[in-house]
Amino acid sequence: RKELKKCELIIVDSTAAIPLTIWEDMIDKVENEKSYLFSELRVGFFEKKYLNATKDSQITICSEQIMLSSESSTAAEEL
């Protein structure tokens, strides 16, 4: 058995906030307060709706930081 590294993030856009679980090598690709484009994520349900990274998931850093509305920031804080 191999132990896997797991990290739960809260991702936010202009409409909502949702938890995202990323694994292993993806953890080192993200930093707090930066803007990213996530692709090939899977939606899951276990007591709540969340996103989960898969082996095909990709993370791309955005060239410019995206500024969020106060409503989006509040939604992230509530999670």
PDB file of N, CA and C in Angstrom:
ATOM      1  N   ARG A   1       0.825  -1.198   0.000  1.00  0.00           N
ATOM      2  CA  ARG A   1       0.000   0.000   0.000  1.00  0.00           C
ATOM      3  C   ARG A   1       0.855   1.243   0.000  1.00  0.00           C
ATOM      4  N   LYS A   2       0.409   2.214  -0.727  1.00  0.00           N
ATOM      5  CA  LYS A   2       1.095   3.494  -0.801  1.00  0.00           C
ATOM      6  C   LYS A   2       0.204   4.569  -0.199  1.00  0.00           C
ATOM      7  N   GLU A   3       0.782   5.411   0.639  1.00  0.00           N
ATOM      8  CA  GLU A   3       0.032   6.539   1.166  1.00  0.00           C
ATOM      9  C   GLU A   3       0.067   7.666   0.151  1.00  0.00           C
ATOM     10  N   LEU A   4      -1.095   8.259  -0.107  1.00  0.00           N
ATOM     11  CA  LEU A   4      -1.200   9.341  -1.073  1.00  0.00           C
ATOM     12  C   LEU A   4      -1.315  10.677  -0.349  1.00  0.00           C
ATOM     13  N   LYS A   5      -0.675  11.707  -0.918  1.00  0.00           N
ATOM     14  CA  LYS A   5      -0.828  13.057  -0.395  1.00  0.00           C
ATOM     15  C   LYS A   5      -2.098  13.651  -0.992  1.00  0.00           C
ATOM     16  N   LYS A   6      -2.875  14.307  -0.151  1.00  0.00           N
ATOM     17  CA  LYS A   6      -4.148  14.874  -0.564  1.00  0.00           C
ATOM     18  C   LYS A   6      -4.264  16.274   0.014  1.00  0.00           C
ATOM     19  N   CYS A   7      -4.855  17.199  -0.761  1.00  0.00           N
ATOM     20  CA  CYS A   7      -5.034  18.576  -0.303  1.00  0.00           C
ATOM     21  C   CYS A   7      -6.404  19.059  -0.768  1.00  0.00           C
ATOM     22  N   GLU A   8      -7.154  19.677   0.142  1.00  0.00           N
ATOM     23  CA  GLU A   8      -8.438  20.246  -0.233  1.00  0.00           C
ATOM     24  C   GLU A   8      -8.318  21.757  -0.340  1.00  0.00           C
ATOM     25  N   LEU A   9      -8.720  22.283  -1.487  1.00  0.00           N
ATOM     26  CA  LEU A   9      -8.703  23.716  -1.758  1.00  0.00           C
ATOM     27  C   LEU A   9     -10.132  24.211  -1.860  1.00  0.00           C
ATOM     28  N   ILE A  10     -10.310  25.493  -1.736  1.00  0.00           N
ATOM     29  CA  ILE A  10     -11.582  26.127  -2.065  1.00  0.00           C
ATOM     30  C   ILE A  10     -11.323  26.966  -3.309  1.00  0.00           C
ATOM     31  N   ILE A  11     -12.014  26.642  -4.399  1.00  0.00           N
ATOM     32  CA  ILE A  11     -11.836  27.435  -5.612  1.00  0.00           C
ATOM     33  C   ILE A  11     -13.071  28.319  -5.798  1.00  0.00           C
ATOM     34  N   VAL A  12     -12.827  29.499  -6.338  1.00  0.00           N
ATOM     35  CA  VAL A  12     -13.866  30.523  -6.425  1.00  0.00           C
ATOM     36  C   VAL A  12     -13.835  31.140  -7.816  1.00  0.00           C
ATOM     37  N   ASP A  13     -15.022  31.398  -8.362  1.00  0.00           N
ATOM     38  CA  ASP A  13     -15.115  32.205  -9.573  1.00  0.00           C
ATOM     39  C   ASP A  13     -16.161  33.282  -9.328  1.00  0.00           C
ATOM     40  N   SER A  14     -16.617  33.945 -10.363  1.00  0.00           N
ATOM     41  CA  SER A  14     -17.553  35.051 -10.175  1.00  0.00           C
ATOM     42  C   SER A  14     -18.949  34.594  -9.758  1.00  0.00           C
ATOM     43  N   THR A  15     -19.223  33.291  -9.819  1.00  0.00           N
ATOM     44  CA  THR A  15     -20.564  32.796  -9.516  1.00  0.00           C
ATOM     45  C   THR A  15     -20.675  32.027  -8.204  1.00  0.00           C
ATOM     46  N   ALA A  16     -19.608  31.367  -7.764  1.00  0.00           N
ATOM     47  CA  ALA A  16     -19.724  30.506  -6.583  1.00  0.00           C
ATOM     48  C   ALA A  16     -18.350  30.065  -6.086  1.00  0.00           C
ATOM     49  N   ALA A  17     -18.376  29.277  -5.015  1.00  0.00           N
ATOM     50  CA  ALA A  17     -17.171  28.660  -4.463  1.00  0.00           C
ATOM     51  C   ALA A  17     -17.470  27.185  -4.240  1.00  0.00           C
ATOM     52  N   ILE A  18     -16.461  26.332  -4.410  1.00  0.00           N
ATOM     53  CA  ILE A  18     -16.647  24.891  -4.243  1.00  0.00           C
ATOM     54  C   ILE A  18     -15.319  24.269  -3.807  1.00  0.00           C
ATOM     55  N   PRO A  19     -15.383  23.227  -2.959  1.00  0.00           N
ATOM     56  CA  PRO A  19     -14.145  22.537  -2.588  1.00  0.00           C
ATOM     57  C   PRO A  19     -13.582  21.729  -3.757  1.00  0.00           C
ATOM     58  N   LEU A  20     -12.280  21.651  -3.821  1.00  0.00           N
ATOM     59  CA  LEU A  20     -11.570  20.858  -4.832  1.00  0.00           C
ATOM     60  C   LEU A  20     -10.505  20.041  -4.125  1.00  0.00           C
ATOM     61  N   THR A  21     -10.497  18.745  -4.352  1.00  0.00           N
ATOM     62  CA  THR A  21      -9.457  17.876  -3.810  1.00  0.00           C
ATOM     63  C   THR A  21      -8.430  17.606  -4.899  1.00  0.00           C
ATOM     64  N   ILE A  22      -7.157  17.892  -4.575  1.00  0.00           N
ATOM     65  CA  ILE A  22      -6.070  17.584  -5.504  1.00  0.00           C
ATOM     66  C   ILE A  22      -5.134  16.589  -4.836  1.00  0.00           C
ATOM     67  N   TRP A  23      -4.344  15.898  -5.638  1.00  0.00           N
ATOM     68  CA  TRP A  23      -3.530  14.782  -5.162  1.00  0.00           C
ATOM     69  C   TRP A  23      -2.077  14.924  -5.600  1.00  0.00           C
ATOM     70  N   GLU A  24      -1.197  14.338  -4.811  1.00  0.00           N
ATOM     71  CA  GLU A  24       0.206  14.112  -5.131  1.00  0.00           C
ATOM     72  C   GLU A  24       0.918  15.309  -5.755  1.00  0.00           C
ATOM     73  N   ASP A  25       1.411  15.163  -6.984  1.00  0.00           N
ATOM     74  CA  ASP A  25       2.233  16.181  -7.642  1.00  0.00           C
ATOM     75  C   ASP A  25       1.486  17.485  -7.915  1.00  0.00           C
ATOM     76  N   MET A  26       0.161  17.440  -7.995  1.00  0.00           N
ATOM     77  CA  MET A  26      -0.613  18.653  -8.259  1.00  0.00           C
ATOM     78  C   MET A  26      -0.526  19.642  -7.096  1.00  0.00           C
ATOM     79  N   ILE A  27      -0.301  19.156  -5.898  1.00  0.00           N
ATOM     80  CA  ILE A  27      -0.278  20.016  -4.712  1.00  0.00           C
ATOM     81  C   ILE A  27       0.782  21.102  -4.846  1.00  0.00           C
ATOM     82  N   ASP A  28       1.936  20.765  -5.375  1.00  0.00           N
ATOM     83  CA  ASP A  28       3.027  21.733  -5.515  1.00  0.00           C
ATOM     84  C   ASP A  28       2.800  22.747  -6.636  1.00  0.00           C
ATOM     85  N   LYS A  29       1.764  22.558  -7.444  1.00  0.00           N
ATOM     86  CA  LYS A  29       1.507  23.447  -8.571  1.00  0.00           C
ATOM     87  C   LYS A  29       0.622  24.635  -8.225  1.00  0.00           C
ATOM     88  N   VAL A  30       0.072  24.665  -7.011  1.00  0.00           N
ATOM     89  CA  VAL A  30      -0.830  25.758  -6.649  1.00  0.00           C
ATOM     90  C   VAL A  30      -0.322  26.523  -5.433  1.00  0.00           C
ATOM     91  N   GLU A  31      -0.622  27.804  -5.426  1.00  0.00           N
ATOM     92  CA  GLU A  31      -0.289  28.679  -4.307  1.00  0.00           C
ATOM     93  C   GLU A  31      -1.517  29.497  -3.952  1.00  0.00           C
ATOM     94  N   ASN A  32      -1.645  29.824  -2.693  1.00  0.00           N
ATOM     95  CA  ASN A  32      -2.756  30.628  -2.212  1.00  0.00           C
ATOM     96  C   ASN A  32      -2.757  32.008  -2.877  1.00  0.00           C
ATOM     97  N   GLU A  33      -3.953  32.516  -3.164  1.00  0.00           N
ATOM     98  CA  GLU A  33      -4.143  33.865  -3.703  1.00  0.00           C
ATOM     99  C   GLU A  33      -3.664  34.049  -5.149  1.00  0.00           C
ATOM    100  N   LYS A  34      -3.476  32.970  -5.885  1.00  0.00           N
ATOM    101  CA  LYS A  34      -3.116  33.069  -7.308  1.00  0.00           C
ATOM    102  C   LYS A  34      -4.296  32.575  -8.132  1.00  0.00           C
ATOM    103  N   SER A  35      -4.314  32.920  -9.414  1.00  0.00           N
ATOM    104  CA  SER A  35      -5.410  32.546 -10.309  1.00  0.00           C
ATOM    105  C   SER A  35      -4.976  31.408 -11.221  1.00  0.00           C
ATOM    106  N   TYR A  36      -5.848  30.406 -11.341  1.00  0.00           N
ATOM    107  CA  TYR A  36      -5.543  29.214 -12.133  1.00  0.00           C
ATOM    108  C   TYR A  36      -6.736  28.820 -12.989  1.00  0.00           C
ATOM    109  N   LEU A  37      -6.456  28.105 -14.054  1.00  0.00           N
ATOM    110  CA  LEU A  37      -7.472  27.469 -14.872  1.00  0.00           C
ATOM    111  C   LEU A  37      -7.347  25.970 -14.617  1.00  0.00           C
ATOM    112  N   PHE A  38      -8.427  25.351 -14.156  1.00  0.00           N
ATOM    113  CA  PHE A  38      -8.448  23.915 -13.888  1.00  0.00           C
ATOM    114  C   PHE A  38      -9.255  23.239 -14.988  1.00  0.00           C
ATOM    115  N   SER A  39      -8.765  22.109 -15.492  1.00  0.00           N
ATOM    116  CA  SER A  39      -9.504  21.362 -16.505  1.00  0.00           C
ATOM    117  C   SER A  39      -9.485  19.876 -16.171  1.00  0.00           C
ATOM    118  N   GLU A  40     -10.456  19.175 -16.726  1.00  0.00           N
ATOM    119  CA  GLU A  40     -10.590  17.723 -16.544  1.00  0.00           C
ATOM    120  C   GLU A  40     -10.793  17.347 -15.076  1.00  0.00           C
ATOM    121  N   LEU A  41     -11.679  18.070 -14.402  1.00  0.00           N
ATOM    122  CA  LEU A  41     -12.028  17.751 -13.018  1.00  0.00           C
ATOM    123  C   LEU A  41     -13.301  16.920 -13.006  1.00  0.00           C
ATOM    124  N   ARG A  42     -13.510  16.189 -11.942  1.00  0.00           N
ATOM    125  CA  ARG A  42     -14.706  15.360 -11.806  1.00  0.00           C
ATOM    126  C   ARG A  42     -15.559  15.904 -10.660  1.00  0.00           C
ATOM    127  N   VAL A  43     -16.867  15.965 -10.870  1.00  0.00           N
ATOM    128  CA  VAL A  43     -17.790  16.390  -9.822  1.00  0.00           C
ATOM    129  C   VAL A  43     -18.136  15.172  -8.978  1.00  0.00           C
ATOM    130  N   GLY A  44     -18.099  15.339  -7.652  1.00  0.00           N
ATOM    131  CA  GLY A  44     -18.437  14.253  -6.747  1.00  0.00           C
ATOM    132  C   GLY A  44     -19.423  14.715  -5.688  1.00  0.00           C
ATOM    133  N   PHE A  45     -20.077  13.763  -5.049  1.00  0.00           N
ATOM    134  CA  PHE A  45     -21.008  14.048  -3.965  1.00  0.00           C
ATOM    135  C   PHE A  45     -20.709  13.106  -2.815  1.00  0.00           C
ATOM    136  N   PHE A  46     -20.377  13.641  -1.666  1.00  0.00           N
ATOM    137  CA  PHE A  46     -20.271  12.877  -0.432  1.00  0.00           C
ATOM    138  C   PHE A  46     -20.538  13.863   0.689  1.00  0.00           C
ATOM    139  N   GLU A  47     -21.771  13.881   1.162  1.00  0.00           N
ATOM    140  CA  GLU A  47     -22.250  14.838   2.155  1.00  0.00           C
ATOM    141  C   GLU A  47     -22.311  16.261   1.613  1.00  0.00           C
ATOM    142  N   LYS A  48     -21.610  16.558   0.538  1.00  0.00           N
ATOM    143  CA  LYS A  48     -21.650  17.863  -0.117  1.00  0.00           C
ATOM    144  C   LYS A  48     -21.140  17.691  -1.549  1.00  0.00           C
ATOM    145  N   LYS A  49     -21.379  18.679  -2.373  1.00  0.00           N
ATOM    146  CA  LYS A  49     -20.888  18.672  -3.751  1.00  0.00           C
ATOM    147  C   LYS A  49     -19.446  19.186  -3.745  1.00  0.00           C
ATOM    148  N   TYR A  50     -18.571  18.530  -4.497  1.00  0.00           N
ATOM    149  CA  TYR A  50     -17.170  18.945  -4.558  1.00  0.00           C
ATOM    150  C   TYR A  50     -16.578  18.544  -5.903  1.00  0.00           C
ATOM    151  N   LEU A  51     -15.397  19.074  -6.182  1.00  0.00           N
ATOM    152  CA  LEU A  51     -14.647  18.691  -7.377  1.00  0.00           C
ATOM    153  C   LEU A  51     -13.465  17.832  -6.948  1.00  0.00           C
ATOM    154  N   ASN A  52     -13.086  16.918  -7.812  1.00  0.00           N
ATOM    155  CA  ASN A  52     -11.969  16.027  -7.516  1.00  0.00           C
ATOM    156  C   ASN A  52     -11.057  15.961  -8.744  1.00  0.00           C
ATOM    157  N   ALA A  53      -9.772  16.123  -8.521  1.00  0.00           N
ATOM    158  CA  ALA A  53      -8.809  15.990  -9.609  1.00  0.00           C
ATOM    159  C   ALA A  53      -8.645  14.513  -9.974  1.00  0.00           C
ATOM    160  N   THR A  54      -8.348  14.266 -11.235  1.00  0.00           N
ATOM    161  CA  THR A  54      -8.083  12.911 -11.712  1.00  0.00           C
ATOM    162  C   THR A  54      -6.682  12.892 -12.325  1.00  0.00           C
ATOM    163  N   LYS A  55      -6.274  11.738 -12.811  1.00  0.00           N
ATOM    164  CA  LYS A  55      -4.944  11.652 -13.432  1.00  0.00           C
ATOM    165  C   LYS A  55      -4.856  12.496 -14.700  1.00  0.00           C
ATOM    166  N   ASP A  56      -6.009  12.838 -15.301  1.00  0.00           N
ATOM    167  CA  ASP A  56      -6.035  13.651 -16.516  1.00  0.00           C
ATOM    168  C   ASP A  56      -6.203  15.147 -16.239  1.00  0.00           C
ATOM    169  N   SER A  57      -6.398  15.519 -14.987  1.00  0.00           N
ATOM    170  CA  SER A  57      -6.611  16.926 -14.640  1.00  0.00           C
ATOM    171  C   SER A  57      -5.369  17.759 -14.927  1.00  0.00           C
ATOM    172  N   GLN A  58      -5.616  19.016 -15.301  1.00  0.00           N
ATOM    173  CA  GLN A  58      -4.513  19.932 -15.579  1.00  0.00           C
ATOM    174  C   GLN A  58      -4.745  21.244 -14.856  1.00  0.00           C
ATOM    175  N   ILE A  59      -3.657  21.862 -14.418  1.00  0.00           N
ATOM    176  CA  ILE A  59      -3.690  23.156 -13.756  1.00  0.00           C
ATOM    177  C   ILE A  59      -2.796  24.100 -14.541  1.00  0.00           C
ATOM    178  N   THR A  60      -3.367  25.220 -14.970  1.00  0.00           N
ATOM    179  CA  THR A  60      -2.622  26.224 -15.713  1.00  0.00           C
ATOM    180  C   THR A  60      -2.722  27.543 -14.961  1.00  0.00           C
ATOM    181  N   ILE A  61      -1.581  28.185 -14.702  1.00  0.00           N
ATOM    182  CA  ILE A  61      -1.601  29.473 -14.024  1.00  0.00           C
ATOM    183  C   ILE A  61      -2.046  30.550 -15.002  1.00  0.00           C
ATOM    184  N   CYS A  62      -2.896  31.462 -14.542  1.00  0.00           N
ATOM    185  CA  CYS A  62      -3.362  32.570 -15.373  1.00  0.00           C
ATOM    186  C   CYS A  62      -2.293  33.666 -15.397  1.00  0.00           C
ATOM    187  N   SER A  63      -2.163  34.324 -16.519  1.00  0.00           N
ATOM    188  CA  SER A  63      -1.135  35.360 -16.639  1.00  0.00           C
ATOM    189  C   SER A  63      -1.456  36.581 -15.786  1.00  0.00           C
ATOM    190  N   GLU A  64      -2.738  36.839 -15.553  1.00  0.00           N
ATOM    191  CA  GLU A  64      -3.147  37.951 -14.703  1.00  0.00           C
ATOM    192  C   GLU A  64      -4.009  37.425 -13.567  1.00  0.00           C
ATOM    193  N   GLN A  65      -3.855  38.006 -12.383  1.00  0.00           N
ATOM    194  CA  GLN A  65      -4.675  37.587 -11.258  1.00  0.00           C
ATOM    195  C   GLN A  65      -6.099  38.076 -11.467  1.00  0.00           C
ATOM    196  N   ILE A  66      -7.057  37.229 -11.196  1.00  0.00           N
ATOM    197  CA  ILE A  66      -8.466  37.560 -11.353  1.00  0.00           C
ATOM    198  C   ILE A  66      -8.979  38.113 -10.031  1.00  0.00           C
ATOM    199  N   MET A  67      -9.592  39.281 -10.093  1.00  0.00           N
ATOM    200  CA  MET A  67     -10.146  39.898  -8.892  1.00  0.00           C
ATOM    201  C   MET A  67     -11.571  39.402  -8.703  1.00  0.00           C
ATOM    202  N   LEU A  68     -11.904  39.018  -7.481  1.00  0.00           N
ATOM    203  CA  LEU A  68     -13.219  38.466  -7.188  1.00  0.00           C
ATOM    204  C   LEU A  68     -14.142  39.517  -6.595  1.00  0.00           C
ATOM    205  N   SER A  69     -15.435  39.285  -6.781  1.00  0.00           N
ATOM    206  CA  SER A  69     -16.427  40.163  -6.170  1.00  0.00           C
ATOM    207  C   SER A  69     -16.496  39.870  -4.673  1.00  0.00           C
ATOM    208  N   SER A  70     -17.093  40.756  -3.925  1.00  0.00           N
ATOM    209  CA  SER A  70     -17.224  40.541  -2.478  1.00  0.00           C
ATOM    210  C   SER A  70     -18.129  39.344  -2.196  1.00  0.00           C
ATOM    211  N   GLU A  71     -19.133  39.095  -3.071  1.00  0.00           N
ATOM    212  CA  GLU A  71     -20.013  37.941  -2.899  1.00  0.00           C
ATOM    213  C   GLU A  71     -19.235  36.634  -3.049  1.00  0.00           C
ATOM    214  N   SER A  72     -18.332  36.570  -4.018  1.00  0.00           N
ATOM    215  CA  SER A  72     -17.512  35.374  -4.214  1.00  0.00           C
ATOM    216  C   SER A  72     -16.585  35.142  -3.035  1.00  0.00           C
ATOM    217  N   SER A  73     -15.992  36.200  -2.536  1.00  0.00           N
ATOM    218  CA  SER A  73     -15.104  36.079  -1.387  1.00  0.00           C
ATOM    219  C   SER A  73     -15.856  35.600  -0.147  1.00  0.00           C
ATOM    220  N   THR A  74     -17.083  36.096   0.034  1.00  0.00           N
ATOM    221  CA  THR A  74     -17.913  35.662   1.158  1.00  0.00           C
ATOM    222  C   THR A  74     -18.272  34.189   1.024  1.00  0.00           C
ATOM    223  N   ALA A  75     -18.604  33.743  -0.188  1.00  0.00           N
ATOM    224  CA  ALA A  75     -18.937  32.334  -0.415  1.00  0.00           C
ATOM    225  C   ALA A  75     -17.760  31.434  -0.081  1.00  0.00           C
ATOM    226  N   ALA A  76     -16.545  31.860  -0.414  1.00  0.00           N
ATOM    227  CA  ALA A  76     -15.351  31.078  -0.113  1.00  0.00           C
ATOM    228  C   ALA A  76     -15.122  31.013   1.394  1.00  0.00           C
ATOM    229  N   GLU A  77     -15.312  32.109   2.084  1.00  0.00           N
ATOM    230  CA  GLU A  77     -15.115  32.136   3.528  1.00  0.00           C
ATOM    231  C   GLU A  77     -16.115  31.247   4.257  1.00  0.00           C
ATOM    232  N   GLU A  78     -17.338  31.127   3.717  1.00  0.00           N
ATOM    233  CA  GLU A  78     -18.349  30.281   4.328  1.00  0.00           C
ATOM    234  C   GLU A  78     -18.012  28.803   4.236  1.00  0.00           C
ATOM    235  N   LEU A  79     -17.246  28.415   3.233  1.00  0.00           N
ATOM    236  CA  LEU A  79     -16.835  27.021   3.104  1.00  0.00           C
ATOM    237  C   LEU A  79     -15.696  26.737   4.055  1.00  0.00           C
TER     238      LEU A  79
END
